[in-house]
């Protein structure tokens, strides 16, 4: 490790240097990570109904898939934070690249454990495997998110993170389509029923992670730092960071709760009565909305010339509508068109302001959830599917707003924000518990409350304790 650290120090550049210059090459390489963990994370939405059937679970037990996976984010980030307090920021020592390689290797090991878990038909072992994968992803998130925000000016950090998250959404969009086909159809046909149907896909994930680890180990990525490695919990001295931690907890918990419930929700006769395979297409549309919204957010929050920005911002939903129509069918997409138009209109009201846009989009989700709870039927179906479109900028805007003005504590702040992904472990089981008691429709009160807080953070929370500098 000493040899690695020594090499890193020789090529270190400061955050100020890189923000004045920017690194398009390293940013392009980083997008592969965002794609991969998006593609794999959304498979949890496929595992939940598969394991529910294979192991005869209730909603609460099935949602433990998300508890294991996202709980690992909390544990991994907490360990990182403790280490940074006692010995100094690990990433400041080993560099972002080595942090990414470590995360990929941990994820590869966790993915490989799916094979013995399926062989033993053991739900607890599956949960352990998911926990280990989550530990690896925690390290990837801690390293990748702040790295992307500092690969250019701080004022456009939200734009870069939205663009990177756009590639994440490419993964989450095609993930349910491929996962739904492989697990519910292809491997059923070849005799791999129930838990066995996940064996080959997750072994493949393990191999891909190993290949990516090798690529990132040898590729050149600049080590960016502030030139200091400090002990202590300096990140907690910022009030807007503490409120941002809660906002990330609520955002992730709300998003995962909705995404995890779609297949079962759309399968209810009072809503749409769809089969698991049919409903998985709408899961893909839910995550596809995030893809559309994040690319639109990357454009709206960038420094592209106003005229070009308007053209591109209109072209993205139009192109998305045409592509979705060709892939999913015009009968499905025609009902999605009003949501795309609404999204474009809301970006106009956002006026390229990260906090303002976050507030507007969160308020829209709150309204959609309220309609879902009260109305039901196909209206509720499209409200739930549409939440993905308006959740799109939630992570990127919240994360970048919380990182603003934190200087040398960026990685430590990042570990705390990633720790808050614990919301994805806590809120879905809570929603499942309420669904077991009163029905799945009323359980959407959980994401309703979560997104209400995210709206507060965009409106006021990110300004608290920052004085006149908090203009976003």
Protein backbone atom coordinates (compact mmCIF):
# COMPACT_ATOMS: atom_id res chain seq x y z
CA UNK A 1 0.00 0.00 0.00
CA UNK A 2 2.89 2.33 0.69
CA UNK A 3 4.03 1.97 -2.88
CA UNK A 4 0.58 2.81 -4.19
CA UNK A 5 0.28 5.81 -1.89
CA UNK A 6 3.66 7.11 -2.95
CA UNK A 7 2.75 6.91 -6.62
CA UNK A 8 -0.54 8.66 -6.03
CA UNK A 9 1.06 11.58 -4.21
CA UNK A 10 3.36 12.32 -7.14
CA UNK A 11 0.40 12.83 -9.49
CA UNK A 12 -1.92 14.60 -7.06
CA UNK A 13 -3.67 17.77 -8.23
CA UNK A 14 -5.83 20.02 -6.08
CA UNK A 15 -9.59 20.32 -6.37
CA UNK A 16 -9.17 23.96 -7.37
CA UNK A 17 -6.86 22.97 -10.24
CA UNK A 18 -9.14 20.32 -11.65
CA UNK A 19 -12.28 22.44 -11.26
CA UNK A 20 -10.70 25.14 -13.36
CA UNK A 21 -9.62 22.62 -15.99
CA UNK A 22 -12.03 19.67 -15.99
CA UNK A 23 -11.33 16.11 -17.06
CA UNK A 24 -13.65 14.76 -19.75
CA UNK A 25 -11.73 11.50 -20.22
CA UNK A 26 -11.86 10.39 -16.57
CA UNK A 27 -15.50 11.48 -16.41
CA UNK A 28 -16.35 9.29 -19.41
CA UNK A 29 -14.64 6.30 -17.76
CA UNK A 30 -16.57 6.88 -14.55
CA UNK A 31 -19.91 6.61 -16.34
CA UNK A 32 -19.32 2.86 -16.82
CA UNK A 33 -19.48 2.43 -13.04
CA UNK A 34 -22.72 4.36 -12.76
CA UNK A 35 -24.22 2.18 -15.49
CA UNK A 36 -23.12 -1.06 -13.87
CA UNK A 37 -24.36 -0.45 -10.35
CA UNK A 38 -27.63 0.92 -11.75
CA UNK A 39 -28.10 -2.19 -13.89
CA UNK A 40 -27.48 -4.50 -10.96
CA UNK A 41 -29.27 -2.58 -8.19
CA UNK A 42 -32.58 -2.63 -10.04
CA UNK A 43 -32.43 -6.43 -10.22
CA UNK A 44 -33.49 -6.34 -6.56
CA UNK A 45 -36.94 -5.38 -7.84
CA UNK A 46 -36.94 -8.66 -9.80
CA UNK A 47 -35.56 -10.71 -6.90
CA UNK A 48 -38.31 -9.59 -4.51
CA UNK A 49 -41.26 -11.23 -6.34
CA UNK A 50 -39.06 -14.21 -7.32
CA UNK A 51 -37.97 -14.88 -3.73
CA UNK A 52 -41.48 -14.15 -2.43
CA UNK A 53 -42.75 -17.00 -4.58
CA UNK A 54 -39.78 -19.35 -4.18
CA UNK A 55 -39.59 -19.11 -0.37
CA UNK A 56 -43.30 -18.38 0.32
CA UNK A 57 -42.66 -15.01 1.96
CA UNK A 58 -44.98 -12.21 3.02
CA UNK A 59 -44.37 -8.61 1.89
CA UNK A 60 -42.26 -7.74 4.94
CA UNK A 61 -40.00 -10.79 4.53
CA UNK A 62 -39.60 -10.21 0.79
CA UNK A 63 -38.59 -6.57 1.37
CA UNK A 64 -35.66 -7.82 3.47
CA UNK A 65 -33.89 -8.06 0.11
CA UNK A 66 -33.69 -4.26 0.17
CA UNK A 67 -32.90 -4.24 3.89
CA UNK A 68 -29.84 -6.46 3.36
CA UNK A 69 -28.63 -4.62 0.27
CA UNK A 70 -29.10 -1.04 1.40
CA UNK A 71 -28.30 -1.84 5.03
CA UNK A 72 -24.82 -2.69 3.78
CA UNK A 73 -24.49 0.86 2.50
CA UNK A 74 -25.02 2.09 6.04
CA UNK A 75 -22.59 -0.37 7.62
CA UNK A 76 -19.90 0.18 4.98
CA UNK A 77 -20.21 3.95 5.09
CA UNK A 78 -20.25 3.98 8.89
CA UNK A 79 -16.99 2.00 8.94
CA UNK A 80 -15.52 4.43 6.41
CA UNK A 81 -16.59 7.41 8.51
CA UNK A 82 -15.11 5.91 11.69
CA UNK A 83 -11.80 5.25 9.93
CA UNK A 84 -11.74 8.81 8.53
CA UNK A 85 -12.35 10.20 12.03
CA UNK A 86 -9.59 8.18 13.67
CA UNK A 87 -6.87 7.98 11.01
CA UNK A 88 -7.89 10.44 8.30
CA UNK A 89 -9.80 10.07 5.04
CA UNK A 90 -8.88 6.70 3.39
CA UNK A 91 -9.52 7.98 -0.14
CA UNK A 92 -7.21 10.94 0.50
CA UNK A 93 -4.51 8.33 1.17
CA UNK A 94 -5.11 5.68 -1.49
CA UNK A 95 -6.83 7.76 -4.18
CA UNK A 96 -10.23 7.52 -5.83
CA UNK A 97 -9.05 4.91 -8.32
CA UNK A 98 -7.88 2.42 -5.69
CA UNK A 99 -11.09 3.00 -3.73
CA UNK A 100 -13.06 2.04 -6.84
CA UNK A 101 -10.99 -1.10 -7.42
CA UNK A 102 -11.58 -2.25 -3.83
CA UNK A 103 -15.33 -1.67 -4.21
CA UNK A 104 -15.44 -3.69 -7.43
CA UNK A 105 -13.60 -6.64 -5.87
CA UNK A 106 -15.97 -6.74 -2.90
CA UNK A 107 -18.97 -6.63 -5.25
CA UNK A 108 -17.53 -9.48 -7.32
CA UNK A 109 -17.21 -11.66 -4.22
CA UNK A 110 -20.78 -10.96 -3.10
CA UNK A 111 -22.16 -11.73 -6.56
CA UNK A 112 -20.31 -15.06 -6.65
CA UNK A 113 -22.02 -16.09 -3.40
CA UNK A 114 -25.36 -16.24 -5.23
CA UNK A 115 -24.32 -19.58 -6.72
CA UNK A 116 -23.95 -21.48 -3.41
CA UNK A 117 -27.03 -19.65 -2.05
CA UNK A 118 -29.11 -20.93 -4.97
CA UNK A 119 -27.61 -24.41 -4.70
CA UNK A 120 -28.51 -24.58 -0.99
CA UNK A 121 -31.89 -22.87 -1.63
CA UNK A 122 -31.11 -20.61 1.34
CA UNK A 123 -32.85 -17.24 1.64
CA UNK A 124 -30.55 -16.13 4.52
CA UNK A 125 -27.48 -16.88 2.40
CA UNK A 126 -28.96 -14.81 -0.43
CA UNK A 127 -29.38 -11.93 2.00
CA UNK A 128 -25.73 -12.29 3.11
CA UNK A 129 -24.62 -12.24 -0.54
CA UNK A 130 -26.68 -9.10 -1.18
CA UNK A 131 -25.18 -7.50 1.93
CA UNK A 132 -21.64 -8.07 0.64
CA UNK A 133 -22.54 -6.69 -2.80
CA UNK A 134 -23.96 -3.65 -1.00
CA UNK A 135 -20.68 -3.18 0.90
CA UNK A 136 -18.84 -3.04 -2.41
CA UNK A 137 -21.34 -0.60 -3.87
CA UNK A 138 -21.00 1.60 -0.77
CA UNK A 139 -17.29 1.98 -1.46
CA UNK A 140 -18.00 2.71 -5.12
CA UNK A 141 -20.54 5.38 -4.22
CA UNK A 142 -18.25 7.03 -1.66
CA UNK A 143 -15.50 7.31 -4.24
CA UNK A 144 -17.41 7.94 -7.47
CA UNK A 145 -19.98 10.58 -6.51
CA UNK A 146 -17.62 13.24 -5.10
CA UNK A 147 -15.05 12.42 -7.80
CA UNK A 148 -17.58 13.28 -10.49
CA UNK A 149 -18.63 16.52 -8.77
CA UNK A 150 -15.04 17.82 -8.65
CA UNK A 151 -14.16 16.96 -12.26
CA UNK A 152 -15.03 20.53 -13.19
CA UNK A 153 -16.46 23.77 -11.70
CA UNK A 154 -18.55 23.43 -8.53
CA UNK A 155 -21.35 25.53 -10.04
CA UNK A 156 -22.00 22.77 -12.61
CA UNK A 157 -21.53 19.84 -10.20
CA UNK A 158 -25.26 19.02 -10.28
CA UNK A 159 -25.15 18.90 -14.08
CA UNK A 160 -22.22 16.45 -14.13
CA UNK A 161 -23.74 14.24 -11.45
CA UNK A 162 -27.09 14.24 -13.29
CA UNK A 163 -25.28 13.21 -16.49
CA UNK A 164 -23.43 10.41 -14.70
CA UNK A 165 -26.67 9.33 -13.04
CA UNK A 166 -28.21 9.36 -16.52
CA UNK A 167 -25.90 6.48 -17.45
CA UNK A 168 -26.89 4.87 -14.15
CA UNK A 169 -30.47 5.11 -15.39
CA UNK A 170 -29.54 3.46 -18.68
CA UNK A 171 -28.66 0.46 -16.51
CA UNK A 172 -31.81 0.70 -14.41
CA UNK A 173 -33.94 0.98 -17.56
CA UNK A 174 -32.71 -2.10 -19.38
CA UNK A 175 -32.06 -4.05 -16.16
CA UNK A 176 -35.71 -4.99 -15.47
CA UNK A 177 -36.26 -5.99 -19.11
CA UNK A 178 -33.26 -8.33 -19.17
CA UNK A 179 -33.74 -9.48 -15.57
CA UNK A 180 -37.46 -10.10 -16.00
CA UNK A 181 -36.87 -12.12 -19.17
CA UNK A 182 -34.00 -14.20 -17.79
CA UNK A 183 -35.43 -14.94 -14.33
CA UNK A 184 -39.14 -15.25 -15.10
CA UNK A 185 -38.96 -16.74 -18.60
CA UNK A 186 -35.65 -18.03 -20.01
CA UNK A 187 -34.33 -19.98 -17.02
CA UNK A 188 -37.83 -21.26 -16.23
CA UNK A 189 -37.90 -22.83 -19.69
CA UNK A 190 -34.58 -24.58 -19.18
CA UNK A 191 -35.73 -26.06 -15.87
CA UNK A 192 -34.12 -23.60 -13.44
CA UNK A 193 -37.16 -22.67 -11.38
CA UNK A 194 -37.37 -20.52 -8.26
CA UNK A 195 -34.10 -19.50 -6.64
CA UNK A 196 -31.99 -21.44 -9.16
CA UNK A 197 -32.90 -18.96 -11.90
CA UNK A 198 -30.49 -16.35 -10.43
CA UNK A 199 -27.37 -18.54 -10.51
CA UNK A 200 -25.97 -17.75 -13.95
CA UNK A 201 -26.88 -14.02 -14.03
CA UNK A 202 -25.05 -13.28 -10.78
CA UNK A 203 -22.00 -15.35 -11.66
CA UNK A 204 -21.88 -13.23 -14.82
CA UNK A 205 -22.04 -10.08 -12.67
CA UNK A 206 -19.10 -11.37 -10.64
CA UNK A 207 -16.99 -11.86 -13.77
CA UNK A 208 -17.89 -8.39 -15.08
CA UNK A 209 -16.88 -6.78 -11.79
CA UNK A 210 -13.52 -8.55 -11.88
CA UNK A 211 -12.92 -7.33 -15.44
CA UNK A 212 -13.85 -3.76 -14.45
CA UNK A 213 -11.53 -3.94 -11.44
CA UNK A 214 -8.68 -4.87 -13.78
CA UNK A 215 -9.51 -2.04 -16.16
CA UNK A 216 -9.68 0.59 -13.41
CA UNK A 217 -6.45 -0.70 -11.85
CA UNK A 218 -4.49 -0.07 -15.05
CA UNK A 219 -6.25 3.01 -16.45
CA UNK A 220 -4.92 6.48 -15.60
CA UNK A 221 -7.18 8.58 -13.37
CA UNK A 222 -5.83 11.74 -11.71
CA UNK A 223 -5.67 11.69 -7.91
CA UNK A 224 -7.51 14.82 -6.77
CA UNK A 225 -7.26 16.12 -3.24
CA UNK A 226 -6.97 19.21 -1.08
CA UNK A 227 -3.42 18.36 0.00
CA UNK A 228 -4.51 17.56 3.57
CA UNK A 229 -5.48 14.44 5.49
CA UNK A 230 -7.27 15.44 8.67
CA UNK A 231 -8.74 13.37 11.49
CA UNK A 232 -12.04 14.13 13.21
CA UNK A 233 -15.66 14.58 12.19
CA UNK A 234 -15.31 17.90 10.38
CA UNK A 235 -18.13 17.03 7.98
CA UNK A 236 -20.66 17.30 10.80
CA UNK A 237 -19.91 20.98 11.43
CA UNK A 238 -22.06 21.90 8.41
CA UNK A 239 -25.83 22.12 9.22
CA UNK A 240 -26.79 21.74 5.55
CA UNK A 241 -24.83 18.47 5.45
CA UNK A 242 -26.74 17.02 8.40
CA UNK A 243 -30.05 17.97 6.82
CA UNK A 244 -28.76 16.59 3.50
CA UNK A 245 -28.06 13.23 5.14
CA UNK A 246 -31.71 13.03 6.16
CA UNK A 247 -32.77 14.12 2.66
CA UNK A 248 -30.73 11.33 1.02
CA UNK A 249 -32.21 8.84 3.54
CA UNK A 250 -35.72 9.94 2.59
CA UNK A 251 -35.04 10.16 -1.16
CA UNK A 252 -33.49 6.70 -1.47
CA UNK A 253 -36.07 5.17 0.87
CA UNK A 254 -38.92 6.69 -1.11
CA UNK A 255 -37.51 5.75 -4.51
CA UNK A 256 -36.70 2.16 -3.53
CA UNK A 257 -40.06 1.71 -1.80
CA UNK A 258 -41.93 2.69 -4.96
CA UNK A 259 -39.69 0.74 -7.35
CA UNK A 260 -39.81 -2.40 -5.20
CA UNK A 261 -43.59 -2.42 -5.05
CA UNK A 262 -44.47 -1.85 -8.71
CA UNK A 263 -44.68 -5.48 -9.84
CA UNK A 264 -46.90 -6.50 -6.92
CA UNK A 265 -48.93 -3.27 -7.13
CA UNK A 266 -49.67 -3.60 -10.84
CA UNK A 267 -50.52 -7.26 -10.31
CA UNK A 268 -53.50 -6.37 -8.14
CA UNK A 269 -56.86 -6.69 -9.94
CA UNK A 270 -58.02 -3.35 -8.52
CA UNK A 271 -55.08 -1.63 -10.23
CA UNK A 272 -54.10 -3.34 -13.52
CA UNK A 273 -54.08 -7.14 -12.98
CA UNK A 274 -50.77 -7.63 -14.82
CA UNK A 275 -48.55 -10.70 -14.67
CA UNK A 276 -45.03 -10.39 -13.28
CA UNK A 277 -43.55 -10.39 -16.80
CA UNK A 278 -45.99 -7.72 -18.02
CA UNK A 279 -45.44 -5.59 -14.91
CA UNK A 280 -41.64 -5.78 -15.27
CA UNK A 281 -42.01 -3.70 -18.44
CA UNK A 282 -43.52 -0.92 -16.35
CA UNK A 283 -40.69 -1.25 -13.84
CA UNK A 284 -38.39 -0.61 -16.78
CA UNK A 285 -40.50 2.42 -17.73
CA UNK A 286 -40.27 3.67 -14.12
CA UNK A 287 -36.47 3.56 -14.24
CA UNK A 288 -36.50 4.77 -17.85
CA UNK A 289 -38.17 7.92 -16.59
CA UNK A 290 -35.14 8.50 -14.41
CA UNK A 291 -32.95 8.14 -17.48
CA UNK A 292 -34.94 10.77 -19.36
CA UNK A 293 -35.15 13.17 -16.42
CA UNK A 294 -31.46 12.91 -15.54
CA UNK A 295 -30.29 13.69 -19.05
CA UNK A 296 -32.71 16.62 -19.11
CA UNK A 297 -31.38 17.72 -15.72
CA UNK A 298 -27.79 17.49 -16.95
CA UNK A 299 -28.68 19.84 -19.80
CA UNK A 300 -30.82 22.27 -17.79
CA UNK A 301 -28.24 22.66 -14.99
CA UNK A 302 -25.26 22.96 -17.34
CA UNK A 303 -23.63 26.05 -18.84
CA UNK A 304 -24.75 25.30 -22.39
CA UNK A 305 -25.89 28.40 -24.30
CA UNK A 306 -29.53 29.24 -23.57
CA UNK A 307 -30.71 28.74 -27.16
CA UNK A 308 -29.02 25.33 -27.51
CA UNK A 309 -30.24 24.33 -24.06
CA UNK A 310 -33.88 24.90 -25.03
CA UNK A 311 -33.49 22.85 -28.20
CA UNK A 312 -31.79 19.92 -26.47
CA UNK A 313 -34.18 20.03 -23.51
CA UNK A 314 -37.12 19.64 -25.90
CA UNK A 315 -35.38 17.06 -28.08
CA UNK A 316 -34.70 14.61 -25.23
CA UNK A 317 -38.35 13.83 -24.30
CA UNK A 318 -39.37 13.80 -27.97
CA UNK A 319 -36.64 11.27 -28.80
CA UNK A 320 -37.51 9.28 -25.68
CA UNK A 321 -41.18 9.15 -26.70
CA UNK A 322 -40.32 7.84 -30.16
CA UNK A 323 -37.87 5.23 -28.85
CA UNK A 324 -40.24 4.07 -26.11
CA UNK A 325 -43.04 3.81 -28.67
CA UNK A 326 -40.94 1.62 -30.95
CA UNK A 327 -39.69 -0.58 -28.10
CA UNK A 328 -42.65 -0.80 -25.73
CA UNK A 329 -45.55 -0.12 -28.08
CA UNK A 330 -47.55 3.03 -28.80
CA UNK A 331 -50.52 1.89 -26.71
CA UNK A 332 -48.34 2.00 -23.60
CA UNK A 333 -46.40 5.15 -24.39
CA UNK A 334 -49.37 7.33 -25.36
CA UNK A 335 -50.44 7.37 -21.70
CA UNK A 336 -46.90 8.34 -20.70
CA UNK A 337 -46.80 11.40 -23.00
CA UNK A 338 -48.59 13.80 -20.59
CA UNK A 339 -45.97 13.00 -17.95
CA UNK A 340 -43.15 13.82 -20.38
CA UNK A 341 -44.78 17.14 -21.26
CA UNK A 342 -45.24 17.96 -17.57
CA UNK A 343 -41.58 17.16 -16.90
CA UNK A 344 -40.47 19.59 -19.63
CA UNK A 345 -42.73 22.32 -18.22
CA UNK A 346 -41.40 21.83 -14.69
CA UNK A 347 -37.81 22.19 -15.86
CA UNK A 348 -38.77 25.62 -17.23
CA UNK A 349 -40.02 26.62 -13.79
CA UNK A 350 -36.82 25.24 -12.22
CA UNK A 351 -34.78 27.91 -14.05
CA UNK A 352 -31.50 25.94 -13.92
CA UNK A 353 -31.48 26.14 -10.12
CA UNK A 354 -30.67 22.87 -8.34
CA UNK A 355 -32.58 23.66 -5.13
CA UNK A 356 -35.62 25.12 -6.89
CA UNK A 357 -35.84 22.18 -9.32
CA UNK A 358 -35.55 19.69 -6.46
CA UNK A 359 -38.46 21.36 -4.66
CA UNK A 360 -40.72 21.46 -7.71
CA UNK A 361 -40.10 17.84 -8.70
CA UNK A 362 -40.51 16.54 -5.14
CA UNK A 363 -43.82 18.41 -4.79
CA UNK A 364 -45.01 16.81 -8.03
CA UNK A 365 -44.21 13.34 -6.66
CA UNK A 366 -46.11 14.11 -3.46
CA UNK A 367 -49.19 14.95 -5.55
CA UNK A 368 -48.84 11.77 -7.64
CA UNK A 369 -48.59 9.65 -4.49
CA UNK A 370 -51.64 11.32 -2.99
CA UNK A 371 -53.63 10.49 -6.14
CA UNK A 372 -52.32 6.91 -5.99
CA UNK A 373 -53.52 6.47 -2.41
CA UNK A 374 -56.96 8.01 -3.00
CA UNK A 375 -57.94 7.04 -6.55
CA UNK A 376 -56.50 3.63 -7.49
CA UNK A 377 -57.02 1.87 -10.85
CA UNK A 378 -55.09 2.75 -14.02
CA UNK A 379 -54.74 6.35 -12.85
CA UNK A 380 -52.79 5.10 -9.83
CA UNK A 381 -50.76 2.81 -12.09
CA UNK A 382 -49.51 5.73 -14.23
CA UNK A 383 -48.96 7.94 -11.19
CA UNK A 384 -46.66 5.31 -9.69
CA UNK A 385 -44.83 4.70 -12.97
CA UNK A 386 -44.45 8.46 -13.49
CA UNK A 387 -42.73 8.91 -10.14
CA UNK A 388 -39.53 7.61 -11.73
CA UNK A 389 -39.47 10.55 -14.16
CA UNK A 390 -39.78 13.14 -11.39
CA UNK A 391 -37.41 11.31 -9.02
CA UNK A 392 -34.70 11.62 -11.65
CA UNK A 393 -32.85 14.66 -10.36
CA UNK A 394 -33.42 13.88 -6.66
CA UNK A 395 -30.17 12.10 -5.89
CA UNK A 396 -27.89 14.31 -7.96
CA UNK A 397 -29.30 17.63 -6.81
CA UNK A 398 -29.48 16.62 -3.14
CA UNK A 399 -25.97 15.12 -3.16
CA UNK A 400 -24.34 18.09 -4.89
CA UNK A 401 -26.16 20.63 -2.70
CA UNK A 402 -24.97 18.82 0.42
CA UNK A 403 -21.37 18.71 -0.86
CA UNK A 404 -21.21 22.42 -1.66
CA UNK A 405 -18.75 24.40 0.44
CA UNK A 406 -17.35 21.40 2.35
CA UNK A 407 -13.76 21.69 1.03
CA UNK A 408 -11.35 19.05 2.33
CA UNK A 409 -14.21 17.12 3.93
CA UNK A 410 -15.87 16.17 0.64
CA UNK A 411 -15.06 12.45 0.87
CA UNK A 412 -16.13 12.33 4.52
CA UNK A 413 -19.37 14.12 3.66
CA UNK A 414 -19.81 11.65 0.81
CA UNK A 415 -19.45 8.72 3.22
CA UNK A 416 -22.17 10.21 5.43
CA UNK A 417 -24.47 10.78 2.45
CA UNK A 418 -23.88 7.23 1.21
CA UNK A 419 -24.53 6.01 4.76
CA UNK A 420 -27.95 7.63 4.43
CA UNK A 421 -28.76 5.15 1.66
CA UNK A 422 -29.89 3.21 4.72
CA UNK A 423 -33.27 4.71 3.83
CA UNK A 424 -33.47 2.07 1.11
CA UNK A 425 -33.15 -0.59 3.81
CA UNK A 426 -35.57 0.91 6.35
CA UNK A 427 -38.49 2.40 4.42
CA UNK A 428 -39.33 -0.53 2.06
CA UNK A 429 -39.83 -3.04 4.94
CA UNK A 430 -41.86 -0.37 6.75
CA UNK A 431 -43.96 0.04 3.62
CA UNK A 432 -44.26 -3.76 3.40
CA UNK A 433 -45.42 -3.95 7.02
CA UNK A 434 -48.13 -1.34 6.37
CA UNK A 435 -49.11 -3.20 3.18
CA UNK A 436 -49.56 -6.44 5.17
CA UNK A 437 -51.83 -4.58 7.63
CA UNK A 438 -53.88 -2.30 5.40
CA UNK A 439 -53.10 -3.05 1.77
CA UNK A 440 -50.42 -2.02 -0.69
CA UNK A 441 -52.22 1.11 -1.86
CA UNK A 442 -52.34 2.79 1.56
CA UNK A 443 -48.70 1.85 2.18
CA UNK A 444 -47.65 4.56 -0.31
CA UNK A 445 -47.99 6.95 2.62
CA UNK A 446 -44.36 6.01 3.40
CA UNK A 447 -42.82 7.48 0.20
CA UNK A 448 -45.34 10.34 0.44
CA UNK A 449 -43.76 11.47 3.72
CA UNK A 450 -40.24 10.79 2.42
CA UNK A 451 -40.57 12.96 -0.70
CA UNK A 452 -42.21 15.72 1.33
CA UNK A 453 -38.98 16.09 3.30
CA UNK A 454 -36.86 16.05 0.14
CA UNK A 455 -38.97 18.96 -1.12
CA UNK A 456 -38.23 20.83 2.12
CA UNK A 457 -34.49 20.31 1.64
CA UNK A 458 -34.62 21.75 -1.87
CA UNK A 459 -36.70 24.71 -0.70
CA UNK A 460 -34.89 25.63 2.51
CA UNK A 461 -32.83 22.84 4.09
CA UNK A 462 -29.74 23.19 1.89
CA UNK A 463 -29.48 26.90 2.80
CA UNK A 464 -29.54 26.49 6.57
CA UNK A 465 -26.26 27.45 8.23
CA UNK A 466 -24.67 28.66 5.01
CA UNK A 467 -25.60 32.33 5.03
CA UNK A 468 -25.42 34.39 1.83
CA UNK A 469 -23.26 31.84 -0.01
CA UNK A 470 -26.17 29.40 -0.37
CA UNK A 471 -27.69 30.82 -3.53
CA UNK A 472 -28.67 27.48 -5.10
